[in-house]
Each structure stands twice: as C-alpha cells, then as structure tokens.
C-alpha cells in the first residue's frame, strides 16, 4: 500500500487529510494523475505546475519512483513575504 497525504490548500480543496492506495503505481506522477481523475476539485488541487511532492518526507520530483510502503505527500509551494 501507499500512504498519500495532503497538506495546506491541497487538503482544503479535496477535503481529506490522507488516503491509502494499492502499490500499483511506479511514480509519484502516476499517483497524481490517477487522483486528478477523481473530479474537478481533485484536478484543481493536484495541478502539476502548482504542486510539490515529498516521498518518505524527502522533497522529490514527480517522476520519482514509488514502492510499497512509501508515504507520498502532496502540497502547494510555500510562499512568504
């Protein structure tokens, strides 16, 4: 299984903190694309150009490999002022 976490605006848009998915995905991008198909809010929350991903608490690129037992977190870039 893969544990998928959502933070900040991403979490607010889809309305959940986390889900689990089967380990049938090979990259974080495949997970993102699959989840984006769940509806309009999911697609908006998981827009590729406005999203960061961490795998096992390490910031990674969306094309990074994932495997069973991984924790994948999606969140928007943080800005400050």
PDB file of N, CA and C in Angstrom:
ATOM      1  N   UNK A   1       0.824  -1.185   0.000  1.00  0.00           N
ATOM      2  CA  UNK A   1       0.000   0.000   0.000  1.00  0.00           C
ATOM      3  C   UNK A   1       0.871   1.252   0.000  1.00  0.00           C
ATOM      4  N   UNK A   2       0.310   2.319  -0.531  1.00  0.00           N
ATOM      5  CA  UNK A   2       0.933   3.640  -0.491  1.00  0.00           C
ATOM      6  C   UNK A   2       0.077   4.534   0.396  1.00  0.00           C
ATOM      7  N   UNK A   3       0.718   5.270   1.276  1.00  0.00           N
ATOM      8  CA  UNK A   3       0.013   6.231   2.115  1.00  0.00           C
ATOM      9  C   UNK A   3       0.163   7.597   1.464  1.00  0.00           C
ATOM     10  N   UNK A   4      -0.964   8.220   1.111  1.00  0.00           N
ATOM     11  CA  UNK A   4      -0.964   9.503   0.427  1.00  0.00           C
ATOM     12  C   UNK A   4      -1.478  10.566   1.394  1.00  0.00           C
ATOM     13  N   UNK A   5      -0.671  11.623   1.598  1.00  0.00           N
ATOM     14  CA  UNK A   5      -1.018  12.717   2.500  1.00  0.00           C
ATOM     15  C   UNK A   5      -1.226  14.001   1.696  1.00  0.00           C
ATOM     16  N   UNK A   6      -2.123  14.843   2.179  1.00  0.00           N
ATOM     17  CA  UNK A   6      -2.408  16.119   1.534  1.00  0.00           C
ATOM     18  C   UNK A   6      -2.271  17.230   2.569  1.00  0.00           C
ATOM     19  N   UNK A   7      -1.632  18.340   2.170  1.00  0.00           N
ATOM     20  CA  UNK A   7      -1.397  19.446   3.084  1.00  0.00           C
ATOM     21  C   UNK A   7      -1.848  20.776   2.489  1.00  0.00           C
ATOM     22  N   UNK A   8      -2.117  21.726   3.384  1.00  0.00           N
ATOM     23  CA  UNK A   8      -2.411  23.118   3.041  1.00  0.00           C
ATOM     24  C   UNK A   8      -3.596  23.205   2.075  1.00  0.00           C
ATOM     25  N   UNK A   9      -3.481  24.033   1.049  1.00  0.00           N
ATOM     26  CA  UNK A   9      -4.589  24.258   0.116  1.00  0.00           C
ATOM     27  C   UNK A   9      -4.989  22.975  -0.602  1.00  0.00           C
ATOM     28  N   UNK A  10      -4.048  22.102  -0.849  1.00  0.00           N
ATOM     29  CA  UNK A  10      -4.367  20.826  -1.487  1.00  0.00           C
ATOM     30  C   UNK A  10      -5.379  20.065  -0.636  1.00  0.00           C
ATOM     31  N   UNK A  11      -5.131  19.984   0.643  1.00  0.00           N
ATOM     32  CA  UNK A  11      -6.038  19.301   1.569  1.00  0.00           C
ATOM     33  C   UNK A  11      -7.382  20.025   1.639  1.00  0.00           C
ATOM     34  N   UNK A  12      -7.351  21.339   1.692  1.00  0.00           N
ATOM     35  CA  UNK A  12      -8.593  22.114   1.786  1.00  0.00           C
ATOM     36  C   UNK A  12      -9.492  21.908   0.567  1.00  0.00           C
ATOM     37  N   UNK A  13      -8.903  21.825  -0.600  1.00  0.00           N
ATOM     38  CA  UNK A  13      -9.693  21.662  -1.827  1.00  0.00           C
ATOM     39  C   UNK A  13     -10.359  20.294  -1.916  1.00  0.00           C
ATOM     40  N   UNK A  14      -9.648  19.242  -1.514  1.00  0.00           N
ATOM     41  CA  UNK A  14     -10.238  17.910  -1.656  1.00  0.00           C
ATOM     42  C   UNK A  14     -10.974  17.447  -0.402  1.00  0.00           C
ATOM     43  N   UNK A  15     -10.692  18.097   0.719  1.00  0.00           N
ATOM     44  CA  UNK A  15     -11.451  17.818   1.927  1.00  0.00           C
ATOM     45  C   UNK A  15     -11.030  16.596   2.729  1.00  0.00           C
ATOM     46  N   UNK A  16      -9.845  16.038   2.449  1.00  0.00           N
ATOM     47  CA  UNK A  16      -9.358  14.920   3.256  1.00  0.00           C
ATOM     48  C   UNK A  16      -7.865  15.093   3.548  1.00  0.00           C
ATOM     49  N   UNK A  17      -7.421  14.461   4.610  1.00  0.00           N
ATOM     50  CA  UNK A  17      -6.017  14.543   5.018  1.00  0.00           C
ATOM     51  C   UNK A  17      -5.152  13.474   4.372  1.00  0.00           C
ATOM     52  N   UNK A  18      -5.708  12.267   4.240  1.00  0.00           N
ATOM     53  CA  UNK A  18      -4.912  11.164   3.710  1.00  0.00           C
ATOM     54  C   UNK A  18      -5.793  10.052   3.177  1.00  0.00           C
ATOM     55  N   UNK A  19      -5.192   9.246   2.310  1.00  0.00           N
ATOM     56  CA  UNK A  19      -5.834   8.042   1.786  1.00  0.00           C
ATOM     57  C   UNK A  19      -4.752   6.993   1.591  1.00  0.00           C
ATOM     58  N   UNK A  20      -5.161   5.768   1.382  1.00  0.00           N
ATOM     59  CA  UNK A  20      -4.238   4.707   1.015  1.00  0.00           C
ATOM     60  C   UNK A  20      -4.628   4.178  -0.354  1.00  0.00           C
ATOM     61  N   UNK A  21      -3.606   3.863  -1.134  1.00  0.00           N
ATOM     62  CA  UNK A  21      -3.815   3.309  -2.467  1.00  0.00           C
ATOM     63  C   UNK A  21      -2.999   2.034  -2.601  1.00  0.00           C
ATOM     64  N   UNK A  22      -3.425   1.132  -3.471  1.00  0.00           N
ATOM     65  CA  UNK A  22      -2.616  -0.055  -3.705  1.00  0.00           C
ATOM     66  C   UNK A  22      -1.281   0.328  -4.350  1.00  0.00           C
ATOM     67  N   UNK A  23      -0.314  -0.522  -4.209  1.00  0.00           N
ATOM     68  CA  UNK A  23       1.036  -0.244  -4.708  1.00  0.00           C
ATOM     69  C   UNK A  23       1.181  -0.585  -6.188  1.00  0.00           C
ATOM     70  N   UNK A  24       0.228  -0.177  -7.000  1.00  0.00           N
ATOM     71  CA  UNK A  24       0.269  -0.493  -8.426  1.00  0.00           C
ATOM     72  C   UNK A  24       0.885   0.636  -9.256  1.00  0.00           C
ATOM     73  N   UNK A  25       1.312   1.700  -8.602  1.00  0.00           N
ATOM     74  CA  UNK A  25       1.879   2.857  -9.286  1.00  0.00           C
ATOM     75  C   UNK A  25       3.406   2.781  -9.222  1.00  0.00           C
ATOM     76  N   UNK A  26       4.067   3.295 -10.263  1.00  0.00           N
ATOM     77  CA  UNK A  26       5.530   3.251 -10.264  1.00  0.00           C
ATOM     78  C   UNK A  26       6.167   4.606  -9.990  1.00  0.00           C
ATOM     79  N   UNK A  27       5.412   5.707 -10.209  1.00  0.00           N
ATOM     80  CA  UNK A  27       5.950   7.044  -9.950  1.00  0.00           C
ATOM     81  C   UNK A  27       4.922   7.899  -9.205  1.00  0.00           C
ATOM     82  N   UNK A  28       5.412   8.953  -8.578  1.00  0.00           N
ATOM     83  CA  UNK A  28       4.519   9.900  -7.921  1.00  0.00           C
ATOM     84  C   UNK A  28       3.606  10.567  -8.947  1.00  0.00           C
ATOM     85  N   UNK A  29       4.091  10.765 -10.156  1.00  0.00           N
ATOM     86  CA  UNK A  29       3.269  11.361 -11.216  1.00  0.00           C
ATOM     87  C   UNK A  29       2.087  10.462 -11.561  1.00  0.00           C
ATOM     88  N   UNK A  30       2.288   9.165 -11.589  1.00  0.00           N
ATOM     89  CA  UNK A  30       1.172   8.249 -11.859  1.00  0.00           C
ATOM     90  C   UNK A  30       0.114   8.356 -10.766  1.00  0.00           C
ATOM     91  N   UNK A  31       0.541   8.493  -9.521  1.00  0.00           N
ATOM     92  CA  UNK A  31      -0.398   8.674  -8.409  1.00  0.00           C
ATOM     93  C   UNK A  31      -1.155   9.983  -8.588  1.00  0.00           C
ATOM     94  N   UNK A  32      -0.427  11.065  -8.873  1.00  0.00           N
ATOM     95  CA  UNK A  32      -1.045  12.373  -9.073  1.00  0.00           C
ATOM     96  C   UNK A  32      -2.077  12.328 -10.199  1.00  0.00           C
ATOM     97  N   UNK A  33      -1.706  11.748 -11.324  1.00  0.00           N
ATOM     98  CA  UNK A  33      -2.608  11.681 -12.477  1.00  0.00           C
ATOM     99  C   UNK A  33      -3.863  10.860 -12.148  1.00  0.00           C
ATOM    100  N   UNK A  34      -3.690   9.755 -11.473  1.00  0.00           N
ATOM    101  CA  UNK A  34      -4.822   8.918 -11.073  1.00  0.00           C
ATOM    102  C   UNK A  34      -5.777   9.696 -10.174  1.00  0.00           C
ATOM    103  N   UNK A  35      -5.232  10.356  -9.163  1.00  0.00           N
ATOM    104  CA  UNK A  35      -6.073  11.107  -8.234  1.00  0.00           C
ATOM    105  C   UNK A  35      -6.754  12.300  -8.905  1.00  0.00           C
ATOM    106  N   UNK A  36      -6.086  12.904  -9.872  1.00  0.00           N
ATOM    107  CA  UNK A  36      -6.664  14.048 -10.589  1.00  0.00           C
ATOM    108  C   UNK A  36      -7.934  13.673 -11.344  1.00  0.00           C
ATOM    109  N   UNK A  37      -8.082  12.395 -11.650  1.00  0.00           N
ATOM    110  CA  UNK A  37      -9.257  11.914 -12.370  1.00  0.00           C
ATOM    111  C   UNK A  37     -10.478  11.743 -11.472  1.00  0.00           C
ATOM    112  N   UNK A  38     -10.327  11.941 -10.171  1.00  0.00           N
ATOM    113  CA  UNK A  38     -11.424  11.723  -9.225  1.00  0.00           C
ATOM    114  C   UNK A  38     -12.456  12.843  -9.232  1.00  0.00           C
ATOM    115  N   UNK A  39     -12.194  13.932  -9.941  1.00  0.00           N
ATOM    116  CA  UNK A  39     -13.162  15.016 -10.006  1.00  0.00           C
ATOM    117  C   UNK A  39     -12.496  16.367 -10.155  1.00  0.00           C
ATOM    118  N   UNK A  40     -13.338  17.378 -10.335  1.00  0.00           N
ATOM    119  CA  UNK A  40     -12.845  18.734 -10.607  1.00  0.00           C
ATOM    120  C   UNK A  40     -11.985  19.289  -9.467  1.00  0.00           C
ATOM    121  N   UNK A  41     -12.420  19.113  -8.234  1.00  0.00           N
ATOM    122  CA  UNK A  41     -11.639  19.617  -7.091  1.00  0.00           C
ATOM    123  C   UNK A  41     -10.288  18.914  -6.988  1.00  0.00           C
ATOM    124  N   UNK A  42     -10.288  17.612  -7.236  1.00  0.00           N
ATOM    125  CA  UNK A  42      -9.033  16.856  -7.211  1.00  0.00           C
ATOM    126  C   UNK A  42      -8.091  17.364  -8.290  1.00  0.00           C
ATOM    127  N   UNK A  43      -8.618  17.576  -9.481  1.00  0.00           N
ATOM    128  CA  UNK A  43      -7.784  18.064 -10.593  1.00  0.00           C
ATOM    129  C   UNK A  43      -7.201  19.434 -10.268  1.00  0.00           C
ATOM    130  N   UNK A  44      -8.010  20.311  -9.686  1.00  0.00           N
ATOM    131  CA  UNK A  44      -7.544  21.641  -9.315  1.00  0.00           C
ATOM    132  C   UNK A  44      -6.485  21.566  -8.212  1.00  0.00           C
ATOM    133  N   UNK A  45      -6.738  20.753  -7.201  1.00  0.00           N
ATOM    134  CA  UNK A  45      -5.808  20.625  -6.074  1.00  0.00           C
ATOM    135  C   UNK A  45      -4.479  20.014  -6.482  1.00  0.00           C
ATOM    136  N   UNK A  46      -4.510  19.160  -7.489  1.00  0.00           N
ATOM    137  CA  UNK A  46      -3.308  18.419  -7.879  1.00  0.00           C
ATOM    138  C   UNK A  46      -2.746  18.862  -9.226  1.00  0.00           C
ATOM    139  N   UNK A  47      -2.957  20.130  -9.579  1.00  0.00           N
ATOM    140  CA  UNK A  47      -2.378  20.651 -10.819  1.00  0.00           C
ATOM    141  C   UNK A  47      -0.867  20.491 -10.781  1.00  0.00           C
ATOM    142  N   UNK A  48      -0.348  19.861 -11.780  1.00  0.00           N
ATOM    143  CA  UNK A  48       1.079  19.512 -11.833  1.00  0.00           C
ATOM    144  C   UNK A  48       1.998  20.719 -11.650  1.00  0.00           C
ATOM    145  N   UNK A  49       1.646  21.837 -12.251  1.00  0.00           N
ATOM    146  CA  UNK A  49       2.502  23.020 -12.231  1.00  0.00           C
ATOM    147  C   UNK A  49       2.486  23.737 -10.879  1.00  0.00           C
ATOM    148  N   UNK A  50       1.530  23.393 -10.026  1.00  0.00           N
ATOM    149  CA  UNK A  50       1.367  24.091  -8.743  1.00  0.00           C
ATOM    150  C   UNK A  50       1.478  23.122  -7.574  1.00  0.00           C
ATOM    151  N   UNK A  51       2.339  22.115  -7.700  1.00  0.00           N
ATOM    152  CA  UNK A  51       2.361  21.057  -6.714  1.00  0.00           C
ATOM    153  C   UNK A  51       3.786  20.604  -6.411  1.00  0.00           C
ATOM    154  N   UNK A  52       4.041  20.347  -5.145  1.00  0.00           N
ATOM    155  CA  UNK A  52       5.286  19.727  -4.712  1.00  0.00           C
ATOM    156  C   UNK A  52       4.948  18.350  -4.155  1.00  0.00           C
ATOM    157  N   UNK A  53       5.936  17.467  -4.178  1.00  0.00           N
ATOM    158  CA  UNK A  53       5.733  16.123  -3.646  1.00  0.00           C
ATOM    159  C   UNK A  53       6.923  15.748  -2.767  1.00  0.00           C
ATOM    160  N   UNK A  54       6.611  15.091  -1.669  1.00  0.00           N
ATOM    161  CA  UNK A  54       7.647  14.520  -0.810  1.00  0.00           C
ATOM    162  C   UNK A  54       7.373  13.021  -0.705  1.00  0.00           C
ATOM    163  N   UNK A  55       8.419  12.243  -0.849  1.00  0.00           N
ATOM    164  CA  UNK A  55       8.311  10.802  -0.704  1.00  0.00           C
ATOM    165  C   UNK A  55       9.124  10.424   0.525  1.00  0.00           C
ATOM    166  N   UNK A  56       8.462   9.816   1.485  1.00  0.00           N
ATOM    167  CA  UNK A  56       9.100   9.461   2.757  1.00  0.00           C
ATOM    168  C   UNK A  56       9.795  10.670   3.381  1.00  0.00           C
ATOM    169  N   UNK A  57       9.096  11.803   3.338  1.00  0.00           N
ATOM    170  CA  UNK A  57       9.498  13.063   3.956  1.00  0.00           C
ATOM    171  C   UNK A  57      10.729  13.706   3.312  1.00  0.00           C
ATOM    172  N   UNK A  58      10.994  13.361   2.062  1.00  0.00           N
ATOM    173  CA  UNK A  58      12.077  13.987   1.307  1.00  0.00           C
ATOM    174  C   UNK A  58      11.490  14.591   0.043  1.00  0.00           C
ATOM    175  N   UNK A  59      11.737  15.880  -0.184  1.00  0.00           N
ATOM    176  CA  UNK A  59      11.234  16.552  -1.373  1.00  0.00           C
ATOM    177  C   UNK A  59      11.819  15.886  -2.616  1.00  0.00           C
ATOM    178  N   UNK A  60      10.945  15.511  -3.540  1.00  0.00           N
ATOM    179  CA  UNK A  60      11.358  14.775  -4.742  1.00  0.00           C
ATOM    180  C   UNK A  60      10.636  15.357  -5.957  1.00  0.00           C
ATOM    181  N   UNK A  61      11.027  14.897  -7.130  1.00  0.00           N
ATOM    182  CA  UNK A  61      10.316  15.291  -8.346  1.00  0.00           C
ATOM    183  C   UNK A  61       9.156  14.324  -8.568  1.00  0.00           C
ATOM    184  N   UNK A  62       8.175  14.766  -9.345  1.00  0.00           N
ATOM    185  CA  UNK A  62       7.012  13.924  -9.614  1.00  0.00           C
ATOM    186  C   UNK A  62       7.363  12.650 -10.371  1.00  0.00           C
ATOM    187  N   UNK A  63       8.474  12.647 -11.099  1.00  0.00           N
ATOM    188  CA  UNK A  63       8.837  11.439 -11.842  1.00  0.00           C
ATOM    189  C   UNK A  63       9.640  10.445 -10.995  1.00  0.00           C
ATOM    190  N   UNK A  64       9.751  10.720  -9.696  1.00  0.00           N
ATOM    191  CA  UNK A  64      10.461   9.812  -8.791  1.00  0.00           C
ATOM    192  C   UNK A  64       9.686   8.515  -8.612  1.00  0.00           C
ATOM    193  N   UNK A  65      10.437   7.439  -8.453  1.00  0.00           N
ATOM    194  CA  UNK A  65       9.849   6.113  -8.261  1.00  0.00           C
ATOM    195  C   UNK A  65       9.213   6.000  -6.879  1.00  0.00           C
ATOM    196  N   UNK A  66       8.122   5.227  -6.809  1.00  0.00           N
ATOM    197  CA  UNK A  66       7.485   4.905  -5.533  1.00  0.00           C
ATOM    198  C   UNK A  66       7.372   3.391  -5.426  1.00  0.00           C
ATOM    199  N   UNK A  67       7.306   2.926  -4.184  1.00  0.00           N
ATOM    200  CA  UNK A  67       7.167   1.482  -3.965  1.00  0.00           C
ATOM    201  C   UNK A  67       6.295   1.227  -2.748  1.00  0.00           C
ATOM    202  N   UNK A  68       5.878   0.014  -2.587  1.00  0.00           N
ATOM    203  CA  UNK A  68       5.005  -0.362  -1.496  1.00  0.00           C
ATOM    204  C   UNK A  68       5.574   0.107  -0.159  1.00  0.00           C
ATOM    205  N   UNK A  69       4.706   0.688   0.668  1.00  0.00           N
ATOM    206  CA  UNK A  69       5.111   1.178   1.975  1.00  0.00           C
ATOM    207  C   UNK A  69       5.517   2.637   1.998  1.00  0.00           C
ATOM    208  N   UNK A  70       5.650   3.266   0.816  1.00  0.00           N
ATOM    209  CA  UNK A  70       6.051   4.673   0.761  1.00  0.00           C
ATOM    210  C   UNK A  70       4.936   5.591   1.256  1.00  0.00           C
ATOM    211  N   UNK A  71       5.357   6.718   1.819  1.00  0.00           N
ATOM    212  CA  UNK A  71       4.462   7.800   2.185  1.00  0.00           C
ATOM    213  C   UNK A  71       4.683   8.915   1.175  1.00  0.00           C
ATOM    214  N   UNK A  72       3.618   9.314   0.488  1.00  0.00           N
ATOM    215  CA  UNK A  72       3.701  10.341  -0.548  1.00  0.00           C
ATOM    216  C   UNK A  72       2.854  11.523  -0.103  1.00  0.00           C
ATOM    217  N   UNK A  73       3.472  12.692   0.001  1.00  0.00           N
ATOM    218  CA  UNK A  73       2.768  13.894   0.429  1.00  0.00           C
ATOM    219  C   UNK A  73       2.704  14.892  -0.713  1.00  0.00           C
ATOM    220  N   UNK A  74       1.511  15.412  -0.966  1.00  0.00           N
ATOM    221  CA  UNK A  74       1.310  16.452  -1.978  1.00  0.00           C
ATOM    222  C   UNK A  74       0.972  17.756  -1.272  1.00  0.00           C
ATOM    223  N   UNK A  75       1.584  18.842  -1.733  1.00  0.00           N
ATOM    224  CA  UNK A  75       1.328  20.156  -1.125  1.00  0.00           C
ATOM    225  C   UNK A  75       1.730  21.256  -2.092  1.00  0.00           C
ATOM    226  N   UNK A  76       1.127  22.452  -1.956  1.00  0.00           N
ATOM    227  CA  UNK A  76       1.477  23.563  -2.837  1.00  0.00           C
ATOM    228  C   UNK A  76       2.806  24.172  -2.394  1.00  0.00           C
ATOM    229  N   UNK A  77       3.488  24.857  -3.321  1.00  0.00           N
ATOM    230  CA  UNK A  77       4.713  25.554  -2.929  1.00  0.00           C
ATOM    231  C   UNK A  77       4.409  26.603  -1.838  1.00  0.00           C
ATOM    232  N   UNK A  78       5.317  26.771  -0.936  1.00  0.00           N
ATOM    233  CA  UNK A  78       5.154  27.724   0.147  1.00  0.00           C
ATOM    234  C   UNK A  78       5.742  29.054  -0.290  1.00  0.00           C
ATOM    235  N   UNK A  79       4.987  30.126  -0.062  1.00  0.00           N
ATOM    236  CA  UNK A  79       5.493  31.457  -0.365  1.00  0.00           C
ATOM    237  C   UNK A  79       5.500  32.272   0.899  1.00  0.00           C
ATOM    238  N   UNK A  80       6.359  33.250   0.932  1.00  0.00           N
ATOM    239  CA  UNK A  80       6.447  34.099   2.110  1.00  0.00           C
ATOM    240  C   UNK A  80       6.559  35.546   1.701  1.00  0.00           C
ATOM    241  N   UNK A  81       6.504  36.380   2.666  1.00  0.00           N
ATOM    242  CA  UNK A  81       6.579  37.782   2.321  1.00  0.00           C
ATOM    243  C   UNK A  81       7.093  38.621   3.452  1.00  0.00           C
TER     244      UNK A  81
END
